[in-house]
Amino acid sequence: MTKIEMEAMEAVIGIRKEMAKANEIDWEQRRYEIAKECMPTVYSIAVDVAKRKGDIMKPQYIASVAVDIADVLIEELKKKK
C-alpha cells in the first residue's frame, strides 16, 4: 500500500468515527430537554396543591421533581428491548 493510499484510508476511518460519534445520543442534553419540558406541568401541579392545601413547595423541590422524571424516562429509554 502506498503512502497516499494509507493516508486516504486513515482519513476514511477518521470520517467514519466522526459520523458514528455524531449519531450517538447525548443523554445529558436529552435530560436537560426532558426536565425543561416537565417543569411547566410540575409547577402547575405545585400551584394547584398550594391553592388547595396551602402547602407551598420550594422551587428547588419542583426542579428536582422535573429532573427525577427526566432521569426515570432516560433509564427506560436506555433499556434494550
PDB file of N, CA and C in Angstrom:
ATOM      1  N   MET A   1       0.850  -1.172   0.000  1.00  0.00           N
ATOM      2  CA  MET A   1       0.000   0.000   0.000  1.00  0.00           C
ATOM      3  C   MET A   1       0.901   1.241   0.000  1.00  0.00           C
ATOM      4  N   THR A   2       0.581   2.169  -0.860  1.00  0.00           N
ATOM      5  CA  THR A   2       1.391   3.381  -0.951  1.00  0.00           C
ATOM      6  C   THR A   2       1.054   4.321   0.198  1.00  0.00           C
ATOM      7  N   LYS A   3       1.902   5.298   0.376  1.00  0.00           N
ATOM      8  CA  LYS A   3       1.699   6.282   1.441  1.00  0.00           C
ATOM      9  C   LYS A   3       0.394   7.047   1.222  1.00  0.00           C
ATOM     10  N   ILE A   4       0.105   7.406  -0.013  1.00  0.00           N
ATOM     11  CA  ILE A   4      -1.130   8.143  -0.327  1.00  0.00           C
ATOM     12  C   ILE A   4      -2.347   7.279  -0.003  1.00  0.00           C
ATOM     13  N   GLU A   5      -2.286   5.998  -0.348  1.00  0.00           N
ATOM     14  CA  GLU A   5      -3.400   5.099  -0.056  1.00  0.00           C
ATOM     15  C   GLU A   5      -3.600   4.953   1.455  1.00  0.00           C
ATOM     16  N   MET A   6      -2.511   4.866   2.200  1.00  0.00           N
ATOM     17  CA  MET A   6      -2.610   4.755   3.659  1.00  0.00           C
ATOM     18  C   MET A   6      -3.215   6.015   4.270  1.00  0.00           C
ATOM     19  N   GLU A   7      -2.803   7.174   3.776  1.00  0.00           N
ATOM     20  CA  GLU A   7      -3.357   8.436   4.275  1.00  0.00           C
ATOM     21  C   GLU A   7      -4.839   8.539   3.942  1.00  0.00           C
ATOM     22  N   ALA A   8      -5.205   8.100   2.741  1.00  0.00           N
ATOM     23  CA  ALA A   8      -6.614   8.126   2.350  1.00  0.00           C
ATOM     24  C   ALA A   8      -7.427   7.195   3.245  1.00  0.00           C
ATOM     25  N   MET A   9      -6.889   6.014   3.529  1.00  0.00           N
ATOM     26  CA  MET A   9      -7.575   5.065   4.390  1.00  0.00           C
ATOM     27  C   MET A   9      -7.730   5.631   5.804  1.00  0.00           C
ATOM     28  N   GLU A  10      -6.705   6.259   6.324  1.00  0.00           N
ATOM     29  CA  GLU A  10      -6.783   6.881   7.648  1.00  0.00           C
ATOM     30  C   GLU A  10      -7.835   7.985   7.671  1.00  0.00           C
ATOM     31  N   ALA A  11      -7.916   8.744   6.587  1.00  0.00           N
ATOM     32  CA  ALA A  11      -8.918   9.806   6.500  1.00  0.00           C
ATOM     33  C   ALA A  11     -10.322   9.218   6.500  1.00  0.00           C
ATOM     34  N   VAL A  12     -10.526   8.145   5.758  1.00  0.00           N
ATOM     35  CA  VAL A  12     -11.838   7.492   5.705  1.00  0.00           C
ATOM     36  C   VAL A  12     -12.210   6.940   7.081  1.00  0.00           C
ATOM     37  N   ILE A  13     -11.250   6.327   7.754  1.00  0.00           N
ATOM     38  CA  ILE A  13     -11.504   5.794   9.102  1.00  0.00           C
ATOM     39  C   ILE A  13     -11.858   6.929  10.061  1.00  0.00           C
ATOM     40  N   GLY A  14     -11.149   8.042   9.963  1.00  0.00           N
ATOM     41  CA  GLY A  14     -11.443   9.201  10.807  1.00  0.00           C
ATOM     42  C   GLY A  14     -12.831   9.755  10.550  1.00  0.00           C
ATOM     43  N   ILE A  15     -13.210   9.837   9.282  1.00  0.00           N
ATOM     44  CA  ILE A  15     -14.548  10.331   8.927  1.00  0.00           C
ATOM     45  C   ILE A  15     -15.613   9.387   9.469  1.00  0.00           C
ATOM     46  N   ARG A  16     -15.379   8.088   9.346  1.00  0.00           N
ATOM     47  CA  ARG A  16     -16.346   7.101   9.841  1.00  0.00           C
ATOM     48  C   ARG A  16     -16.525   7.236  11.352  1.00  0.00           C
ATOM     49  N   LYS A  17     -15.430   7.420  12.082  1.00  0.00           N
ATOM     50  CA  LYS A  17     -15.514   7.585  13.535  1.00  0.00           C
ATOM     51  C   LYS A  17     -16.298   8.838  13.903  1.00  0.00           C
ATOM     52  N   GLU A  18     -16.067   9.921  13.185  1.00  0.00           N
ATOM     53  CA  GLU A  18     -16.788  11.172  13.445  1.00  0.00           C
ATOM     54  C   GLU A  18     -18.276  11.012  13.162  1.00  0.00           C
ATOM     55  N   MET A  19     -18.608  10.303  12.090  1.00  0.00           N
ATOM     56  CA  MET A  19     -20.016  10.081  11.752  1.00  0.00           C
ATOM     57  C   MET A  19     -20.695   9.217  12.811  1.00  0.00           C
ATOM     58  N   ALA A  20     -19.994   8.198  13.294  1.00  0.00           N
ATOM     59  CA  ALA A  20     -20.556   7.342  14.343  1.00  0.00           C
ATOM     60  C   ALA A  20     -20.774   8.145  15.620  1.00  0.00           C
ATOM     61  N   LYS A  21     -19.825   9.009  15.943  1.00  0.00           N
ATOM     62  CA  LYS A  21     -19.934   9.846  17.140  1.00  0.00           C
ATOM     63  C   LYS A  21     -21.116  10.807  17.020  1.00  0.00           C
ATOM     64  N   ALA A  22     -21.338  11.335  15.825  1.00  0.00           N
ATOM     65  CA  ALA A  22     -22.438  12.277  15.607  1.00  0.00           C
ATOM     66  C   ALA A  22     -23.792  11.601  15.777  1.00  0.00           C
ATOM     67  N   ASN A  23     -23.863  10.294  15.564  1.00  0.00           N
ATOM     68  CA  ASN A  23     -25.124   9.563  15.682  1.00  0.00           C
ATOM     69  C   ASN A  23     -25.408   9.088  17.100  1.00  0.00           C
ATOM     70  N   GLU A  24     -24.461   9.245  18.019  1.00  0.00           N
ATOM     71  CA  GLU A  24     -24.671   8.834  19.400  1.00  0.00           C
ATOM     72  C   GLU A  24     -25.630   9.798  20.093  1.00  0.00           C
ATOM     73  N   ILE A  25     -26.409   9.259  21.013  1.00  0.00           N
ATOM     74  CA  ILE A  25     -27.359  10.079  21.761  1.00  0.00           C
ATOM     75  C   ILE A  25     -26.619  10.803  22.881  1.00  0.00           C
ATOM     76  N   ASP A  26     -26.833  12.095  22.980  1.00  0.00           N
ATOM     77  CA  ASP A  26     -26.267  12.900  24.060  1.00  0.00           C
ATOM     78  C   ASP A  26     -27.276  12.882  25.215  1.00  0.00           C
ATOM     79  N   TRP A  27     -27.077  11.958  26.147  1.00  0.00           N
ATOM     80  CA  TRP A  27     -28.057  11.763  27.211  1.00  0.00           C
ATOM     81  C   TRP A  27     -28.164  12.961  28.149  1.00  0.00           C
ATOM     82  N   GLU A  28     -27.086  13.677  28.374  1.00  0.00           N
ATOM     83  CA  GLU A  28     -27.167  14.877  29.223  1.00  0.00           C
ATOM     84  C   GLU A  28     -28.044  15.936  28.563  1.00  0.00           C
ATOM     85  N   GLN A  29     -27.909  16.090  27.256  1.00  0.00           N
ATOM     86  CA  GLN A  29     -28.747  17.045  26.526  1.00  0.00           C
ATOM     87  C   GLN A  29     -30.207  16.600  26.576  1.00  0.00           C
ATOM     88  N   ARG A  30     -30.436  15.306  26.391  1.00  0.00           N
ATOM     89  CA  ARG A  30     -31.802  14.779  26.475  1.00  0.00           C
ATOM     90  C   ARG A  30     -32.377  15.023  27.869  1.00  0.00           C
ATOM     91  N   ARG A  31     -31.564  14.795  28.898  1.00  0.00           N
ATOM     92  CA  ARG A  31     -32.014  15.000  30.281  1.00  0.00           C
ATOM     93  C   ARG A  31     -32.457  16.443  30.488  1.00  0.00           C
ATOM     94  N   TYR A  32     -31.657  17.362  29.999  1.00  0.00           N
ATOM     95  CA  TYR A  32     -31.994  18.785  30.103  1.00  0.00           C
ATOM     96  C   TYR A  32     -33.310  19.080  29.388  1.00  0.00           C
ATOM     97  N   GLU A  33     -33.445  18.578  28.160  1.00  0.00           N
ATOM     98  CA  GLU A  33     -34.647  18.852  27.366  1.00  0.00           C
ATOM     99  C   GLU A  33     -35.900  18.289  28.031  1.00  0.00           C
ATOM    100  N   ILE A  34     -35.796  17.063  28.541  1.00  0.00           N
ATOM    101  CA  ILE A  34     -36.952  16.441  29.185  1.00  0.00           C
ATOM    102  C   ILE A  34     -37.329  17.195  30.456  1.00  0.00           C
ATOM    103  N   ALA A  35     -36.346  17.515  31.286  1.00  0.00           N
ATOM    104  CA  ALA A  35     -36.625  18.252  32.529  1.00  0.00           C
ATOM    105  C   ALA A  35     -37.249  19.606  32.215  1.00  0.00           C
ATOM    106  N   LYS A  36     -36.738  20.268  31.188  1.00  0.00           N
ATOM    107  CA  LYS A  36     -37.279  21.574  30.795  1.00  0.00           C
ATOM    108  C   LYS A  36     -38.734  21.446  30.352  1.00  0.00           C
ATOM    109  N   GLU A  37     -39.038  20.378  29.638  1.00  0.00           N
ATOM    110  CA  GLU A  37     -40.411  20.150  29.186  1.00  0.00           C
ATOM    111  C   GLU A  37     -41.340  19.812  30.356  1.00  0.00           C
ATOM    112  N   CYS A  38     -40.815  19.158  31.386  1.00  0.00           N
ATOM    113  CA  CYS A  38     -41.628  18.759  32.540  1.00  0.00           C
ATOM    114  C   CYS A  38     -41.906  19.915  33.497  1.00  0.00           C
ATOM    115  N   MET A  39     -41.042  20.904  33.520  1.00  0.00           N
ATOM    116  CA  MET A  39     -41.148  21.990  34.505  1.00  0.00           C
ATOM    117  C   MET A  39     -42.516  22.672  34.535  1.00  0.00           C
ATOM    118  N   PRO A  40     -43.092  23.084  33.408  1.00  0.00           N
ATOM    119  CA  PRO A  40     -44.390  23.772  33.494  1.00  0.00           C
ATOM    120  C   PRO A  40     -45.483  22.919  34.136  1.00  0.00           C
ATOM    121  N   THR A  41     -45.507  21.633  33.818  1.00  0.00           N
ATOM    122  CA  THR A  41     -46.522  20.752  34.389  1.00  0.00           C
ATOM    123  C   THR A  41     -46.293  20.552  35.879  1.00  0.00           C
ATOM    124  N   VAL A  42     -45.056  20.300  36.265  1.00  0.00           N
ATOM    125  CA  VAL A  42     -44.740  20.113  37.687  1.00  0.00           C
ATOM    126  C   VAL A  42     -45.062  21.391  38.463  1.00  0.00           C
ATOM    127  N   TYR A  43     -44.720  22.527  37.893  1.00  0.00           N
ATOM    128  CA  TYR A  43     -45.012  23.810  38.542  1.00  0.00           C
ATOM    129  C   TYR A  43     -46.519  24.008  38.678  1.00  0.00           C
ATOM    130  N   SER A  44     -47.256  23.696  37.626  1.00  0.00           N
ATOM    131  CA  SER A  44     -48.711  23.848  37.647  1.00  0.00           C
ATOM    132  C   SER A  44     -49.336  22.980  38.738  1.00  0.00           C
ATOM    133  N   ILE A  45     -48.866  21.764  38.861  1.00  0.00           N
ATOM    134  CA  ILE A  45     -49.368  20.872  39.909  1.00  0.00           C
ATOM    135  C   ILE A  45     -49.023  21.430  41.287  1.00  0.00           C
ATOM    136  N   ALA A  46     -47.819  21.959  41.443  1.00  0.00           N
ATOM    137  CA  ALA A  46     -47.410  22.543  42.726  1.00  0.00           C
ATOM    138  C   ALA A  46     -48.291  23.736  43.088  1.00  0.00           C
ATOM    139  N   VAL A  47     -48.640  24.540  42.109  1.00  0.00           N
ATOM    140  CA  VAL A  47     -49.520  25.693  42.354  1.00  0.00           C
ATOM    141  C   VAL A  47     -50.907  25.214  42.765  1.00  0.00           C
ATOM    142  N   ASP A  48     -51.424  24.180  42.089  1.00  0.00           N
ATOM    143  CA  ASP A  48     -52.735  23.631  42.448  1.00  0.00           C
ATOM    144  C   ASP A  48     -52.742  23.102  43.880  1.00  0.00           C
ATOM    145  N   VAL A  49     -51.683  22.401  44.261  1.00  0.00           N
ATOM    146  CA  VAL A  49     -51.574  21.878  45.628  1.00  0.00           C
ATOM    147  C   VAL A  49     -51.518  23.032  46.622  1.00  0.00           C
ATOM    148  N   ALA A  50     -50.768  24.059  46.293  1.00  0.00           N
ATOM    149  CA  ALA A  50     -50.655  25.221  47.184  1.00  0.00           C
ATOM    150  C   ALA A  50     -52.006  25.897  47.366  1.00  0.00           C
ATOM    151  N   LYS A  51     -52.790  25.984  46.289  1.00  0.00           N
ATOM    152  CA  LYS A  51     -54.112  26.620  46.378  1.00  0.00           C
ATOM    153  C   LYS A  51     -55.065  25.791  47.229  1.00  0.00           C
ATOM    154  N   ARG A  52     -55.021  24.475  47.068  1.00  0.00           N
ATOM    155  CA  ARG A  52     -55.950  23.611  47.794  1.00  0.00           C
ATOM    156  C   ARG A  52     -55.551  23.394  49.248  1.00  0.00           C
ATOM    157  N   LYS A  53     -54.267  23.186  49.484  1.00  0.00           N
ATOM    158  CA  LYS A  53     -53.818  22.805  50.824  1.00  0.00           C
ATOM    159  C   LYS A  53     -53.044  23.892  51.543  1.00  0.00           C
ATOM    160  N   GLY A  54     -52.674  24.944  50.831  1.00  0.00           N
ATOM    161  CA  GLY A  54     -51.879  25.995  51.448  1.00  0.00           C
ATOM    162  C   GLY A  54     -50.436  25.579  51.688  1.00  0.00           C
ATOM    163  N   ASP A  55     -50.024  24.494  51.058  1.00  0.00           N
ATOM    164  CA  ASP A  55     -48.667  23.961  51.224  1.00  0.00           C
ATOM    165  C   ASP A  55     -47.821  24.394  50.031  1.00  0.00           C
ATOM    166  N   ILE A  56     -46.966  25.376  50.232  1.00  0.00           N
ATOM    167  CA  ILE A  56     -46.147  25.915  49.144  1.00  0.00           C
ATOM    168  C   ILE A  56     -44.849  25.120  49.049  1.00  0.00           C
ATOM    169  N   MET A  57     -44.560  24.629  47.840  1.00  0.00           N
ATOM    170  CA  MET A  57     -43.334  23.857  47.616  1.00  0.00           C
ATOM    171  C   MET A  57     -42.195  24.791  47.243  1.00  0.00           C
ATOM    172  N   LYS A  58     -41.011  24.437  47.702  1.00  0.00           N
ATOM    173  CA  LYS A  58     -39.826  25.224  47.359  1.00  0.00           C
ATOM    174  C   LYS A  58     -39.486  25.016  45.885  1.00  0.00           C
ATOM    175  N   PRO A  59     -38.977  26.053  45.228  1.00  0.00           N
ATOM    176  CA  PRO A  59     -38.593  25.914  43.818  1.00  0.00           C
ATOM    177  C   PRO A  59     -37.575  24.797  43.581  1.00  0.00           C
ATOM    178  N   GLN A  60     -36.674  24.585  44.532  1.00  0.00           N
ATOM    179  CA  GLN A  60     -35.676  23.520  44.387  1.00  0.00           C
ATOM    180  C   GLN A  60     -36.350  22.154  44.320  1.00  0.00           C
ATOM    181  N   TYR A  61     -37.407  21.986  45.101  1.00  0.00           N
ATOM    182  CA  TYR A  61     -38.129  20.713  45.090  1.00  0.00           C
ATOM    183  C   TYR A  61     -38.829  20.514  43.751  1.00  0.00           C
ATOM    184  N   ILE A  62     -39.449  21.564  43.249  1.00  0.00           N
ATOM    185  CA  ILE A  62     -40.140  21.484  41.957  1.00  0.00           C
ATOM    186  C   ILE A  62     -39.146  21.116  40.856  1.00  0.00           C
ATOM    187  N   ALA A  63     -37.991  21.761  40.861  1.00  0.00           N
ATOM    188  CA  ALA A  63     -36.964  21.466  39.854  1.00  0.00           C
ATOM    189  C   ALA A  63     -36.458  20.035  39.998  1.00  0.00           C
ATOM    190  N   SER A  64     -36.268  19.583  41.239  1.00  0.00           N
ATOM    191  CA  SER A  64     -35.751  18.220  41.431  1.00  0.00           C
ATOM    192  C   SER A  64     -36.753  17.172  40.963  1.00  0.00           C
ATOM    193  N   VAL A  65     -38.038  17.454  41.094  1.00  0.00           N
ATOM    194  CA  VAL A  65     -39.058  16.527  40.591  1.00  0.00           C
ATOM    195  C   VAL A  65     -38.966  16.430  39.070  1.00  0.00           C
ATOM    196  N   ALA A  66     -38.815  17.555  38.392  1.00  0.00           N
ATOM    197  CA  ALA A  66     -38.689  17.546  36.932  1.00  0.00           C
ATOM    198  C   ALA A  66     -37.457  16.755  36.490  1.00  0.00           C
ATOM    199  N   VAL A  67     -36.350  16.925  37.199  1.00  0.00           N
ATOM    200  CA  VAL A  67     -35.118  16.190  36.865  1.00  0.00           C
ATOM    201  C   VAL A  67     -35.299  14.704  37.153  1.00  0.00           C
ATOM    202  N   ASP A  68     -35.965  14.374  38.256  1.00  0.00           N
ATOM    203  CA  ASP A  68     -36.218  12.963  38.573  1.00  0.00           C
ATOM    204  C   ASP A  68     -37.059  12.301  37.483  1.00  0.00           C
ATOM    205  N   ILE A  69     -38.058  13.006  36.990  1.00  0.00           N
ATOM    206  CA  ILE A  69     -38.885  12.476  35.899  1.00  0.00           C
ATOM    207  C   ILE A  69     -38.019  12.226  34.672  1.00  0.00           C
ATOM    208  N   ALA A  70     -37.156  13.179  34.353  1.00  0.00           N
ATOM    209  CA  ALA A  70     -36.255  13.020  33.203  1.00  0.00           C
ATOM    210  C   ALA A  70     -35.347  11.811  33.393  1.00  0.00           C
ATOM    211  N   ASP A  71     -34.810  11.639  34.591  1.00  0.00           N
ATOM    212  CA  ASP A  71     -33.917  10.505  34.862  1.00  0.00           C
ATOM    213  C   ASP A  71     -34.634   9.168  34.692  1.00  0.00           C
ATOM    214  N   VAL A  72     -35.865   9.087  35.181  1.00  0.00           N
ATOM    215  CA  VAL A  72     -36.635   7.847  35.059  1.00  0.00           C
ATOM    216  C   VAL A  72     -36.930   7.548  33.589  1.00  0.00           C
ATOM    217  N   LEU A  73     -37.310   8.564  32.840  1.00  0.00           N
ATOM    218  CA  LEU A  73     -37.598   8.365  31.419  1.00  0.00           C
ATOM    219  C   LEU A  73     -36.348   7.918  30.666  1.00  0.00           C
ATOM    220  N   ILE A  74     -35.225   8.547  30.934  1.00  0.00           N
ATOM    221  CA  ILE A  74     -33.972   8.174  30.264  1.00  0.00           C
ATOM    222  C   ILE A  74     -33.577   6.745  30.622  1.00  0.00           C
ATOM    223  N   GLU A  75     -33.758   6.372  31.877  1.00  0.00           N
ATOM    224  CA  GLU A  75     -33.454   4.999  32.292  1.00  0.00           C
ATOM    225  C   GLU A  75     -34.278   3.998  31.479  1.00  0.00           C
ATOM    226  N   GLU A  76     -35.552   4.306  31.284  1.00  0.00           N
ATOM    227  CA  GLU A  76     -36.415   3.435  30.481  1.00  0.00           C
ATOM    228  C   GLU A  76     -35.987   3.420  29.016  1.00  0.00           C
ATOM    229  N   LEU A  77     -35.621   4.572  28.492  1.00  0.00           N
ATOM    230  CA  LEU A  77     -35.211   4.650  27.091  1.00  0.00           C
ATOM    231  C   LEU A  77     -33.915   3.891  26.828  1.00  0.00           C
ATOM    232  N   LYS A  78     -33.045   3.835  27.815  1.00  0.00           N
ATOM    233  CA  LYS A  78     -31.761   3.150  27.650  1.00  0.00           C
ATOM    234  C   LYS A  78     -31.884   1.629  27.717  1.00  0.00           C
ATOM    235  N   LYS A  79     -32.996   1.131  28.267  1.00  0.00           N
ATOM    236  CA  LYS A  79     -33.172  -0.315  28.363  1.00  0.00           C
ATOM    237  C   LYS A  79     -33.251  -0.906  26.964  1.00  0.00           C
ATOM    238  N   LYS A  80     -32.565  -2.009  26.794  1.00  0.00           N
ATOM    239  CA  LYS A  80     -32.595  -2.678  25.493  1.00  0.00           C
ATOM    240  C   LYS A  80     -33.842  -3.543  25.421  1.00  0.00           C
ATOM    241  N   LYS A  81     -34.504  -3.446  24.323  1.00  0.00           N
ATOM    242  CA  LYS A  81     -35.748  -4.220  24.131  1.00  0.00           C
ATOM    243  C   LYS A  81     -35.437  -5.527  23.452  1.00  0.00           C
TER     244      LYS A  81
END
